[in-house]
Amino acid sequence: MIAILLGTVVGLLLGLTGAGGSVLAVPLLMVGLHWSITQASTVALLAVATSATLGTVIAWRHSYVRYRAASMIALAGAFTAPLGIRLADRLSEPVLEAAFAAVLLIVSVRMFRMTLKAGADAIIVRATVSGEGLPAGGDCCQINPLTGRMIWNWLTFRTMASIGLATGFLSGLLGVGGGFVIVPALRSYTPLSMHSAVATSLMAIALNSTATVFSSVMMGRAVPVEIALPFAIGSLLGMVIGRLIAPWIAGARLQQGFSLLSVVIAAIMAYRAIN
């Protein structure tokens, strides 16, 4: 029951945030089950992959999922995820906790700043992303005005591969989905709207997390099925709940609350690392 409850919270956070919700999956498992980061990361990624897959199916019908970009990001991430896993297995727990605290702090600050600069974007969450909004100002990639598809050239390929390399490494190192990297990067370097960036990130997270879980298993990490399965089921339930309640609660206040929660958890993890 604890695993199902924790998984539901993860799915709910993933669905109710534009980016970054899945980053709390590992801390929740650490607190709820008294696991280390390396113990929690694989199970967390399995749940994130499950809920993100459901989100991708939902978004596919209602928004513009750039599946080529998502696939390229995941493919590049598959090469760096094993490096992150190997490094995580060699680092001490306090160092990993300090690194995770730093990532959480970065996520919280970025999300809080977004609500102040672009409050309308805070309403666009993964659970209910639909339609197409205003384009971003990124100029590394271009969109064909006739087809609406991305124009693939060397610069586009390099941009997506770079996003994937960073995302895959962080997934392997800390067990995070990487949405907090993918969405801001797509918004900064491409003309994709917030709707399309969030929808595309769901597919990239699903593929990247699945690839990282596979790498973890192949490299000898154990996956306790008795915990992983109910945790994943709970994440699906959380995504469904998020889809039902998001139209009423999504917005700047929710994102700011999530940012403050992330700061508190980051402080706790930093304290654990120091002591």
Protein backbone atom coordinates (compact mmCIF):
# COMPACT_ATOMS: atom_id res chain seq x y z
CA MET A 1 0.00 0.00 0.00
CA ILE A 2 2.88 2.36 0.73
CA ALA A 3 4.35 1.69 -2.71
CA ILE A 4 1.00 2.33 -4.41
CA LEU A 5 0.54 5.56 -2.45
CA LEU A 6 4.04 6.82 -3.25
CA GLY A 7 3.59 5.88 -6.92
CA THR A 8 0.30 7.78 -7.03
CA VAL A 9 2.03 10.88 -5.72
CA VAL A 10 4.75 10.56 -8.39
CA GLY A 11 2.22 10.17 -11.20
CA LEU A 12 0.23 13.11 -9.88
CA LEU A 13 3.29 15.34 -9.67
CA LEU A 14 4.38 14.30 -13.16
CA GLY A 15 0.95 15.10 -14.55
CA LEU A 16 0.48 18.42 -12.76
CA THR A 17 3.80 19.99 -13.70
CA GLY A 18 5.05 21.23 -17.02
CA ALA A 19 8.50 19.89 -16.19
CA GLY A 20 10.26 18.50 -13.15
CA GLY A 21 7.52 16.60 -11.32
CA SER A 22 9.19 13.23 -11.65
CA VAL A 23 12.31 14.50 -9.89
CA LEU A 24 10.63 13.83 -6.52
CA ALA A 25 10.19 10.11 -7.22
CA VAL A 26 13.58 9.19 -5.78
CA PRO A 27 13.25 11.28 -2.57
CA LEU A 28 9.79 9.81 -1.96
CA LEU A 29 11.15 6.27 -2.17
CA MET A 30 14.11 7.19 0.03
CA VAL A 31 11.85 8.57 2.75
CA GLY A 32 8.99 6.08 2.41
CA LEU A 33 11.06 2.91 2.14
CA HIS A 34 14.38 4.05 3.68
CA TRP A 35 16.28 3.30 0.49
CA SER A 36 19.50 4.79 -0.84
CA ILE A 37 19.53 6.77 -4.06
CA THR A 38 20.91 3.88 -6.08
CA GLN A 39 18.25 1.54 -4.68
CA ALA A 40 15.45 3.99 -5.44
CA SER A 41 16.54 5.26 -8.87
CA THR A 42 15.66 2.21 -10.97
CA VAL A 43 12.23 1.72 -9.39
CA ALA A 44 11.55 5.45 -9.67
CA LEU A 45 12.43 5.46 -13.36
CA LEU A 46 10.21 2.45 -13.98
CA ALA A 47 7.24 4.28 -12.51
CA VAL A 48 8.08 7.48 -14.37
CA ALA A 49 8.34 5.56 -17.64
CA THR A 50 4.94 3.98 -17.02
CA SER A 51 3.11 7.21 -16.25
CA ALA A 52 4.92 9.14 -18.99
CA THR A 53 3.87 6.49 -21.52
CA LEU A 54 0.24 6.97 -20.54
CA GLY A 55 0.72 10.73 -20.80
CA THR A 56 2.23 10.35 -24.26
CA VAL A 57 -0.76 8.34 -25.46
CA ILE A 58 -3.09 11.03 -24.17
CA ALA A 59 -1.02 13.90 -25.59
CA TRP A 60 -0.68 12.18 -28.98
CA ARG A 61 -4.39 12.59 -29.58
CA HIS A 62 -4.61 16.22 -28.51
CA SER A 63 -1.30 17.94 -29.19
CA TYR A 64 1.82 17.98 -31.33
CA VAL A 65 4.19 15.29 -30.08
CA ARG A 66 7.41 15.70 -32.04
CA TYR A 67 8.16 12.00 -32.09
CA ARG A 68 11.33 12.31 -34.16
CA ALA A 69 12.80 14.81 -31.71
CA ALA A 70 11.74 12.68 -28.73
CA SER A 71 13.25 9.56 -30.30
CA MET A 72 16.52 11.36 -31.05
CA ILE A 73 16.74 12.63 -27.46
CA ALA A 74 16.11 9.13 -26.09
CA LEU A 75 18.57 7.50 -28.49
CA ALA A 76 21.36 9.86 -27.46
CA GLY A 77 20.44 9.38 -23.81
CA ALA A 78 20.78 5.61 -24.14
CA PHE A 79 24.52 6.09 -24.71
CA THR A 80 25.17 8.22 -21.62
CA ALA A 81 22.78 6.53 -19.17
CA PRO A 82 25.22 3.63 -18.51
CA LEU A 83 27.94 6.18 -17.75
CA GLY A 84 25.70 7.81 -15.18
CA ILE A 85 24.83 4.45 -13.64
CA ARG A 86 28.48 3.42 -13.39
CA LEU A 87 29.42 6.73 -11.81
CA ALA A 88 26.54 6.51 -9.31
CA ASP A 89 27.70 3.05 -8.22
CA ARG A 90 31.18 4.43 -7.52
CA LEU A 91 30.20 7.61 -5.69
CA SER A 92 29.36 7.65 -1.99
CA GLU A 93 25.80 8.19 -0.81
CA PRO A 94 26.50 11.65 0.69
CA VAL A 95 27.95 12.87 -2.62
CA LEU A 96 24.93 11.58 -4.53
CA GLU A 97 22.56 13.20 -2.05
CA ALA A 98 24.39 16.50 -2.39
CA ALA A 99 24.20 16.27 -6.18
CA PHE A 100 20.49 15.47 -6.00
CA ALA A 101 19.91 18.43 -3.66
CA ALA A 102 21.64 20.71 -6.19
CA VAL A 103 19.45 19.40 -9.02
CA LEU A 104 16.30 19.87 -6.95
CA LEU A 105 17.30 23.43 -6.13
CA ILE A 106 17.92 24.21 -9.82
CA VAL A 107 14.53 22.74 -10.76
CA SER A 108 12.70 24.71 -8.09
CA VAL A 109 14.34 28.03 -8.98
CA ARG A 110 13.73 27.55 -12.70
CA MET A 111 10.08 26.67 -12.16
CA PHE A 112 9.48 29.59 -9.80
CA ARG A 113 11.07 32.04 -12.24
CA MET A 114 8.93 30.66 -15.05
CA THR A 115 5.75 31.41 -13.10
CA LEU A 116 6.89 35.03 -12.68
CA LYS A 117 7.99 35.59 -16.29
CA ALA A 118 5.46 33.45 -18.16
CA GLY A 119 2.53 32.74 -15.87
CA ALA A 120 0.37 31.51 -18.76
CA ASP A 121 2.82 28.65 -19.41
CA ALA A 122 2.23 27.34 -15.87
CA ILE A 123 -1.29 26.30 -16.87
CA ILE A 124 0.12 23.93 -19.50
CA VAL A 125 0.67 20.67 -17.63
CA ARG A 126 1.38 17.17 -18.88
CA ALA A 127 -1.88 15.64 -17.73
CA THR A 128 -4.03 17.84 -19.98
CA VAL A 129 -1.69 19.25 -22.63
CA SER A 130 -3.66 19.89 -25.83
CA GLY A 131 -3.64 22.11 -28.88
CA GLU A 132 -0.82 24.36 -29.98
CA GLY A 133 0.25 27.65 -28.46
CA LEU A 134 2.54 30.50 -29.36
CA PRO A 135 5.97 29.54 -30.76
CA ALA A 136 9.15 30.10 -28.77
CA GLY A 137 12.09 32.22 -29.89
CA GLY A 138 14.70 29.48 -30.31
CA ASP A 139 16.51 29.56 -33.64
CA CYS A 140 18.63 26.41 -33.58
CA CYS A 141 15.83 24.47 -35.27
CA GLN A 142 13.17 25.51 -37.75
CA ILE A 143 9.61 24.46 -38.49
CA ASN A 144 8.34 23.94 -42.03
CA PRO A 145 5.39 26.37 -42.32
CA LEU A 146 3.64 24.13 -44.86
CA THR A 147 3.82 20.82 -43.00
CA GLY A 148 4.31 22.03 -39.41
CA ARG A 149 7.16 19.54 -39.02
CA MET A 150 10.68 20.24 -37.81
CA ILE A 151 13.29 20.71 -40.53
CA TRP A 152 16.02 18.20 -39.83
CA ASN A 153 19.56 19.29 -40.57
CA TRP A 154 22.90 19.03 -38.81
CA LEU A 155 22.07 21.79 -36.32
CA THR A 156 18.74 20.17 -35.40
CA PHE A 157 20.39 16.78 -35.00
CA ARG A 158 23.16 18.23 -32.81
CA THR A 159 20.68 20.13 -30.63
CA MET A 160 18.48 17.10 -29.95
CA ALA A 161 21.48 14.84 -29.40
CA SER A 162 22.98 17.29 -26.88
CA ILE A 163 19.71 17.42 -24.93
CA GLY A 164 19.59 13.62 -24.94
CA LEU A 165 23.19 13.17 -23.81
CA ALA A 166 22.62 15.39 -20.77
CA THR A 167 19.25 13.81 -19.96
CA GLY A 168 20.50 10.24 -20.22
CA PHE A 169 23.48 10.90 -17.97
CA LEU A 170 21.32 12.51 -15.27
CA SER A 171 18.81 9.66 -15.49
CA GLY A 172 21.53 7.10 -14.94
CA LEU A 173 23.26 9.09 -12.19
CA LEU A 174 20.25 10.22 -10.12
CA GLY A 175 17.21 8.33 -11.44
CA VAL A 176 15.41 11.42 -12.74
CA GLY A 177 13.19 11.55 -15.82
CA GLY A 178 14.83 14.66 -17.21
CA GLY A 179 11.81 16.78 -18.04
CA PHE A 180 13.39 19.72 -16.24
CA VAL A 181 16.16 19.60 -18.89
CA ILE A 182 14.09 18.72 -21.96
CA VAL A 183 11.31 21.31 -21.73
CA PRO A 184 13.51 24.38 -21.06
CA ALA A 185 15.98 23.25 -23.73
CA LEU A 186 13.26 22.79 -26.35
CA ARG A 187 11.84 26.19 -25.49
CA SER A 188 15.27 27.87 -25.62
CA TYR A 189 16.72 26.29 -28.75
CA THR A 190 13.66 25.51 -30.89
CA PRO A 191 10.53 27.42 -31.94
CA LEU A 192 8.27 24.79 -30.36
CA SER A 193 5.37 26.10 -28.30
CA MET A 194 5.04 25.24 -24.63
CA HIS A 195 2.26 22.79 -25.53
CA SER A 196 4.44 20.93 -28.00
CA ALA A 197 7.53 21.02 -25.76
CA VAL A 198 5.62 19.50 -22.83
CA ALA A 199 3.98 16.84 -25.03
CA THR A 200 7.31 15.96 -26.66
CA SER A 201 9.02 15.76 -23.28
CA LEU A 202 6.55 13.09 -22.18
CA MET A 203 7.56 10.78 -25.01
CA ALA A 204 11.25 11.51 -24.48
CA ILE A 205 10.93 10.80 -20.75
CA ALA A 206 9.07 7.54 -21.39
CA LEU A 207 11.72 6.31 -23.85
CA ASN A 208 14.70 7.61 -21.89
CA SER A 209 13.49 6.18 -18.56
CA THR A 210 12.76 2.80 -20.15
CA ALA A 211 16.23 2.67 -21.72
CA THR A 212 17.86 3.61 -18.41
CA VAL A 213 15.93 0.93 -16.51
CA PHE A 214 17.05 -1.64 -19.10
CA SER A 215 20.67 -0.49 -18.75
CA SER A 216 20.42 -0.69 -14.96
CA VAL A 217 19.18 -4.26 -15.05
CA MET A 218 21.83 -5.28 -17.59
CA MET A 219 24.51 -3.75 -15.36
CA GLY A 220 23.42 -5.84 -12.38
CA ARG A 221 21.05 -3.63 -10.40
CA ALA A 222 18.20 -5.47 -8.73
CA VAL A 223 14.59 -4.43 -9.30
CA PRO A 224 12.32 -5.59 -6.46
CA VAL A 225 9.18 -6.53 -8.37
CA GLU A 226 7.05 -6.63 -5.21
CA ILE A 227 7.71 -2.89 -4.81
CA ALA A 228 8.25 -1.80 -8.40
CA LEU A 229 4.94 -3.16 -9.72
CA PRO A 230 2.58 -1.48 -7.22
CA PHE A 231 4.69 1.69 -7.44
CA ALA A 232 4.23 1.74 -11.23
CA ILE A 233 0.49 1.02 -10.89
CA GLY A 234 0.22 3.90 -8.45
CA SER A 235 1.97 6.22 -10.91
CA LEU A 236 -0.62 5.37 -13.57
CA LEU A 237 -3.38 6.09 -11.09
CA GLY A 238 -1.74 9.40 -10.21
CA MET A 239 -1.56 10.44 -13.87
CA VAL A 240 -5.27 9.66 -14.31
CA ILE A 241 -6.16 11.66 -11.19
CA GLY A 242 -4.01 14.50 -12.44
CA ARG A 243 -5.86 14.55 -15.72
CA LEU A 244 -9.17 14.85 -13.87
CA ILE A 245 -8.20 17.64 -11.48
CA ALA A 246 -5.66 19.60 -13.52
CA PRO A 247 -8.23 21.88 -15.22
CA TRP A 248 -9.24 23.23 -11.81
CA ILE A 249 -5.90 23.57 -10.00
CA ALA A 250 -3.18 23.93 -12.67
CA GLY A 251 -1.54 27.34 -12.72
CA ALA A 252 1.17 29.55 -11.30
CA ARG A 253 0.22 28.95 -7.65
CA LEU A 254 0.51 25.19 -8.03
CA GLN A 255 3.90 25.45 -9.71
CA GLN A 256 5.13 27.85 -7.03
CA GLY A 257 3.98 25.45 -4.33
CA PHE A 258 5.85 22.62 -6.04
CA SER A 259 8.94 24.84 -6.23
CA LEU A 260 8.84 25.55 -2.50
CA LEU A 261 8.34 21.86 -1.73
CA SER A 262 11.38 21.05 -3.87
CA VAL A 263 13.46 23.61 -1.95
CA VAL A 264 12.47 22.01 1.37
CA ILE A 265 13.35 18.51 0.14
CA ALA A 266 16.62 19.80 -1.33
CA ALA A 267 17.51 21.29 2.04
CA ILE A 268 16.74 18.00 3.81
CA MET A 269 18.89 16.03 1.38
CA ALA A 270 21.74 18.55 1.70
CA TYR A 271 21.54 18.23 5.48
CA ARG A 272 21.64 14.42 5.22
CA ALA A 273 24.66 14.66 2.93
CA ILE A 274 26.56 16.98 5.30
CA ASN A 275 25.80 14.82 8.32
